[in-house]
Protein backbone atom coordinates (compact mmCIF):
# COMPACT_ATOMS: atom_id res chain seq x y z
CA MET A 1 -19.11 9.15 -6.39
CA VAL A 2 -16.30 10.67 -4.32
CA VAL A 3 -12.89 9.47 -5.56
CA PRO A 4 -10.71 8.23 -2.66
CA LEU A 5 -7.42 9.28 -4.29
CA GLU A 6 -6.89 11.49 -7.31
CA VAL A 7 -3.44 12.48 -8.55
CA GLU A 8 -3.20 15.04 -11.34
CA ASP A 9 -0.04 16.16 -13.16
CA LEU A 10 1.98 15.43 -10.02
CA THR A 11 5.59 16.62 -10.07
CA PHE A 12 8.12 16.51 -7.26
CA ALA A 13 11.87 17.09 -6.87
CA TYR A 14 14.48 16.60 -4.15
CA ASP A 15 17.13 19.34 -4.19
CA GLY A 16 16.35 20.14 -7.81
CA ARG A 17 16.43 16.50 -8.93
CA ALA A 18 13.11 15.45 -10.48
CA VAL A 19 11.66 12.37 -8.79
CA LEU A 20 8.13 12.46 -10.22
CA ARG A 21 7.10 14.04 -13.51
CA GLY A 22 3.49 14.68 -14.54
CA VAL A 23 1.91 11.62 -12.86
CA SER A 24 -1.89 11.35 -13.09
CA PHE A 25 -4.30 8.58 -12.04
CA ARG A 26 -7.45 7.86 -10.01
CA LEU A 27 -7.95 5.21 -7.34
CA MET A 28 -11.57 4.12 -6.97
CA PRO A 29 -13.46 2.52 -4.03
CA GLY A 30 -12.92 -1.24 -3.85
CA GLU A 31 -9.95 -1.14 -6.23
CA VAL A 32 -6.46 -2.51 -5.68
CA LEU A 33 -3.97 -0.48 -7.73
CA GLY A 34 -0.48 -1.96 -7.79
CA LEU A 35 2.39 0.51 -8.10
CA ILE A 36 5.38 -1.13 -9.77
CA GLY A 37 8.66 -0.08 -11.32
CA PRO A 38 12.45 -0.35 -10.95
CA ASN A 39 14.32 0.84 -7.87
CA GLY A 40 14.49 4.63 -7.74
CA ALA A 41 11.43 5.09 -9.95
CA GLY A 42 9.67 7.30 -7.38
CA LYS A 43 7.17 4.80 -5.94
CA SER A 44 7.76 5.54 -2.24
CA THR A 45 7.79 9.27 -2.90
CA LEU A 46 4.43 8.97 -4.64
CA VAL A 47 2.96 7.12 -1.65
CA ARG A 48 4.24 9.78 0.76
CA LEU A 49 2.74 12.51 -1.43
CA ALA A 50 -0.56 10.63 -1.55
CA ALA A 51 -0.57 10.42 2.25
CA GLY A 52 0.12 14.14 2.62
CA PHE A 53 3.57 13.71 4.16
CA LEU A 54 5.11 15.65 1.27
CA ARG A 55 3.76 18.58 -0.73
CA PRO A 56 3.77 18.50 -4.54
CA GLY A 57 6.10 20.81 -6.40
CA TRP A 58 3.43 20.97 -9.09
CA GLY A 59 0.07 19.32 -9.66
CA THR A 60 -2.47 18.15 -7.11
CA VAL A 61 -3.30 15.29 -4.77
CA ARG A 62 -6.89 14.96 -3.57
CA LEU A 63 -8.10 12.55 -0.91
CA PHE A 64 -11.87 12.15 -1.03
CA GLY A 65 -12.12 15.41 -2.96
CA ARG A 66 -9.78 17.54 -0.83
CA PRO A 67 -6.01 18.13 -0.76
CA PRO A 68 -4.38 16.54 2.29
CA THR A 69 -3.58 19.99 3.73
CA GLN A 70 -7.30 20.78 3.93
CA TRP A 71 -8.01 17.83 6.22
CA PRO A 72 -7.68 18.07 10.01
CA PRO A 73 -5.05 15.41 10.79
CA ARG A 74 -7.28 13.33 13.08
CA GLU A 75 -10.11 13.33 10.56
CA LEU A 76 -7.79 12.38 7.72
CA ALA A 77 -6.44 9.48 9.78
CA ARG A 78 -9.99 8.12 10.05
CA HIS A 79 -10.19 7.95 6.27
CA VAL A 80 -6.65 7.12 5.14
CA ALA A 81 -4.10 4.70 6.63
CA LEU A 82 -0.46 4.37 5.59
CA VAL A 83 1.96 1.47 6.05
CA PRO A 84 5.35 2.91 5.02
CA GLN A 85 8.62 1.10 4.48
CA GLY A 86 10.65 0.62 7.63
CA ALA A 87 7.96 1.98 9.96
CA TYR A 88 9.11 2.02 13.58
CA ILE A 89 7.28 0.66 16.61
CA PRO A 90 9.10 0.83 19.97
CA PRO A 91 10.45 -2.65 20.79
CA THR A 92 8.99 -2.51 24.31
CA PHE A 93 5.42 -2.16 23.00
CA THR A 94 3.29 -5.28 22.95
CA VAL A 95 1.47 -6.48 19.85
CA TRP A 96 -1.79 -5.36 21.46
CA GLU A 97 -0.50 -1.88 22.28
CA SER A 98 0.82 -1.53 18.73
CA ALA A 99 -2.53 -2.44 17.19
CA MET A 100 -4.30 -0.03 19.54
CA LEU A 101 -2.16 2.80 18.15
CA GLY A 102 -4.40 2.59 15.10
CA ARG A 103 -7.30 3.78 17.24
CA THR A 104 -5.58 7.04 18.21
CA PRO A 105 -7.67 9.17 15.78
CA TYR A 106 -10.84 7.98 17.53
CA LEU A 107 -9.83 8.50 21.17
CA GLY A 108 -11.23 11.34 23.22
CA PHE A 109 -9.38 13.99 25.21
CA LEU A 110 -8.31 11.58 27.95
CA GLY A 111 -7.24 8.92 25.47
CA VAL A 112 -9.30 6.17 27.10
CA PRO A 113 -10.26 3.46 24.60
CA ARG A 114 -13.86 2.33 24.35
CA GLU A 115 -15.06 -1.21 23.69
CA ALA A 116 -15.49 -0.26 20.01
CA ASP A 117 -11.77 0.63 19.89
CA ARG A 118 -10.73 -2.64 21.49
CA ALA A 119 -13.01 -4.57 19.12
CA ALA A 120 -11.47 -2.86 16.08
CA ALA A 121 -7.95 -3.74 17.27
CA ARG A 122 -8.97 -7.36 17.94
CA ARG A 123 -10.47 -7.68 14.45
CA ALA A 124 -7.35 -6.24 12.85
CA LEU A 125 -5.08 -8.69 14.67
CA GLU A 126 -7.34 -11.59 13.71
CA TRP A 127 -7.21 -10.52 10.06
CA VAL A 128 -3.40 -10.62 10.01
CA GLY A 129 -3.11 -13.82 12.07
CA MET A 130 -1.62 -12.22 15.19
CA ALA A 131 -4.59 -12.47 17.57
CA ASP A 132 -2.86 -15.15 19.65
CA GLN A 133 0.32 -13.05 20.02
CA THR A 134 -1.08 -10.01 21.82
CA ASP A 135 1.28 -10.13 24.83
CA ARG A 136 4.50 -10.50 22.86
CA LEU A 137 6.89 -7.57 22.66
CA ILE A 138 7.64 -6.01 19.28
CA GLY A 139 11.34 -6.51 19.94
CA GLU A 140 10.78 -10.27 20.12
CA LEU A 141 9.07 -10.54 16.75
CA SER A 142 10.54 -11.57 13.43
CA GLY A 143 10.60 -9.06 10.59
CA GLY A 144 7.58 -10.70 9.00
CA GLU A 145 5.61 -10.64 12.24
CA ARG A 146 6.39 -6.96 12.75
CA GLN A 147 5.18 -6.29 9.21
CA ARG A 148 1.86 -7.96 10.00
CA VAL A 149 1.50 -5.90 13.18
CA LEU A 150 2.06 -2.73 11.15
CA LEU A 151 -0.72 -3.80 8.80
CA ALA A 152 -2.97 -4.55 11.79
CA ARG A 153 -2.32 -1.06 13.15
CA ALA A 154 -3.42 0.42 9.82
CA LEU A 155 -6.52 -1.78 9.58
CA ALA A 156 -7.49 -0.83 13.14
CA GLN A 157 -7.95 2.72 11.83
CA GLU A 158 -10.87 1.38 9.76
CA PRO A 159 -9.75 3.43 6.75
CA ARG A 160 -11.57 3.92 3.46
CA CYS A 161 -8.22 4.29 1.65
CA LEU A 162 -5.14 2.19 2.39
CA LEU A 163 -1.64 3.16 1.21
CA LEU A 164 0.92 0.37 1.42
CA ASP A 165 4.63 0.66 0.60
CA GLU A 166 5.99 -2.85 0.05
CA PRO A 167 3.81 -4.60 2.67
CA THR A 168 5.21 -8.04 1.77
CA THR A 169 8.80 -7.16 2.73
CA HIS A 170 10.32 -9.80 5.07
CA LEU A 171 7.38 -12.17 4.51
CA ASP A 172 7.72 -15.73 3.23
CA ILE A 173 5.57 -16.79 0.30
CA HIS A 174 2.80 -18.15 2.55
CA HIS A 175 2.44 -14.86 4.41
CA GLN A 176 2.88 -12.79 1.24
CA VAL A 177 -0.12 -14.54 -0.26
CA ALA A 178 -2.07 -14.37 3.02
CA VAL A 179 -1.50 -10.63 3.44
CA LEU A 180 -2.33 -9.76 -0.17
CA THR A 181 -5.38 -12.03 -0.12
CA LEU A 182 -6.56 -10.16 2.98
CA ILE A 183 -5.93 -6.78 1.35
CA ARG A 184 -7.88 -7.83 -1.72
CA ARG A 185 -10.75 -9.15 0.41
CA MET A 186 -10.89 -5.88 2.36
CA ALA A 187 -11.10 -3.98 -0.91
CA VAL A 188 -13.87 -6.16 -2.34
CA GLU A 189 -15.97 -6.66 0.81
CA CYS A 190 -15.47 -3.28 2.51
CA GLY A 191 -14.99 -1.05 -0.52
CA ILE A 192 -11.55 0.11 0.63
CA ALA A 193 -9.40 1.76 -2.05
CA VAL A 194 -5.87 0.30 -1.95
CA LEU A 195 -2.66 1.66 -3.44
CA VAL A 196 0.12 -0.88 -2.91
CA VAL A 197 3.79 -0.75 -3.91
CA LEU A 198 5.07 -4.17 -4.97
CA HIS A 199 8.41 -5.27 -6.38
CA ASP A 200 7.32 -8.81 -7.17
CA LEU A 201 5.66 -8.54 -10.57
CA ASN A 202 3.94 -11.92 -10.22
CA LEU A 203 2.30 -10.91 -6.95
CA ALA A 204 1.30 -7.60 -8.54
CA ALA A 205 -0.23 -9.40 -11.52
CA THR A 206 -2.11 -11.79 -9.26
CA PHE A 207 -3.64 -9.42 -6.73
CA ALA A 208 -4.02 -6.00 -8.39
CA ASP A 209 -7.01 -4.91 -10.47
CA ARG A 210 -4.81 -2.43 -12.32
CA LEU A 211 -1.09 -1.69 -12.41
CA ALA A 212 0.67 1.66 -12.58
CA LEU A 213 4.22 1.35 -13.93
CA LEU A 214 6.63 4.11 -12.92
CA VAL A 215 9.97 4.57 -14.67
CA ASP A 216 12.30 7.47 -13.82
CA GLY A 217 9.43 9.32 -12.18
CA ALA A 218 7.05 9.07 -15.14
CA LEU A 219 3.95 6.92 -15.44
CA VAL A 220 4.65 4.87 -18.56
CA ALA A 221 1.74 2.42 -18.35
CA LEU A 222 -1.54 2.22 -16.45
CA GLY A 223 -4.16 -0.47 -16.83
CA ASP A 224 -4.95 -4.17 -16.71
CA PRO A 225 -1.96 -6.36 -15.71
CA LYS A 226 -2.15 -8.16 -19.07
CA GLU A 227 -1.68 -4.86 -20.89
CA VAL A 228 0.99 -3.39 -18.60
CA LEU A 229 3.18 -6.47 -18.17
CA ARG A 230 4.25 -6.95 -21.77
CA ARG A 231 7.48 -8.83 -22.50
CA GLU A 232 9.09 -6.16 -24.67
CA ARG A 233 8.28 -3.41 -22.19
CA LEU A 234 9.61 -5.30 -19.16
CA THR A 235 12.78 -6.35 -20.96
CA ALA A 236 13.52 -2.76 -21.98
CA ILE A 237 12.77 -1.29 -18.54
CA TYR A 238 14.44 -3.85 -16.29
CA GLY A 239 17.35 -4.61 -18.60
CA ASN A 240 16.78 -8.34 -18.37
CA ALA A 241 15.06 -10.60 -20.87
CA VAL A 242 11.84 -12.08 -19.52
CA ALA A 243 9.20 -14.52 -20.64
CA VAL A 244 5.54 -13.65 -20.04
CA PHE A 245 2.93 -16.42 -20.01
CA PRO A 246 -0.86 -16.29 -19.54
CA ARG A 247 -1.93 -18.30 -16.49
CA PRO A 248 -4.77 -20.64 -17.46
CA ASP A 249 -5.76 -21.07 -13.79
CA ASP A 250 -6.24 -17.33 -13.18
CA GLY A 251 -8.13 -15.86 -16.10
CA GLY A 252 -5.04 -15.36 -18.22
CA ARG A 253 -3.28 -13.06 -15.76
CA PRO A 254 0.40 -12.93 -16.71
CA ALA A 255 3.22 -14.88 -15.10
CA ILE A 256 6.72 -13.46 -15.52
CA LEU A 257 9.92 -15.49 -15.58
CA PRO A 258 13.47 -14.18 -16.13
CA ARG A 259 15.40 -15.59 -19.04
CA VAL A 260 18.97 -16.61 -18.29
CA ALA A 261 21.41 -16.39 -21.19
């Protein structure tokens, strides 16, 4: 089996300041791996390295068996889609035009979309609940709506690996759950490998198969949410006492609550 994403002994620094130190893990087809950790832990940098936007200082990143630099960009974009933090779409673009941007790797020399391209964009907008908003301008949308359009653009690429940096930013709880439910369904039904950065530990515990906990650039825990989200560990890392309870309605997955002195 070809591994969608493999990170081995990954190290990276900005201007001599270490951001990632010796990080190693594998992301398998159909798996949702949640990347968690305090602010400044290196999560966004790791996602950009995984997407090939940055080059490792040491160690390796392999996407479907090859380093990102060995992929032709258009071919890589047919396999891997990225939704970064703060991604920009021109405000004068419509929702439809924005979703169609995800089909760019598939367009021919003249850039004329085929029916298959339009169908992929329609499906992506239906998945994120924006199919009835196709004529609206990006500049008219709320932050949460723009976030869903960004996800639709990525899904329109029909990727086999999806890299998401805080995709629930600006979303209310209803849309947070809807988006993460969709991502999990895409992983299970389509075999897409998903690496997703999440700050909300309860969402991470609910929707991820495994969690990778980054602290100061090092991977300090990797595994089942019940093993990673331990009370003593979270209290020490986040500097705030927490209570961790097994959820009887969800197979014992942990629920985390802060303790107020």
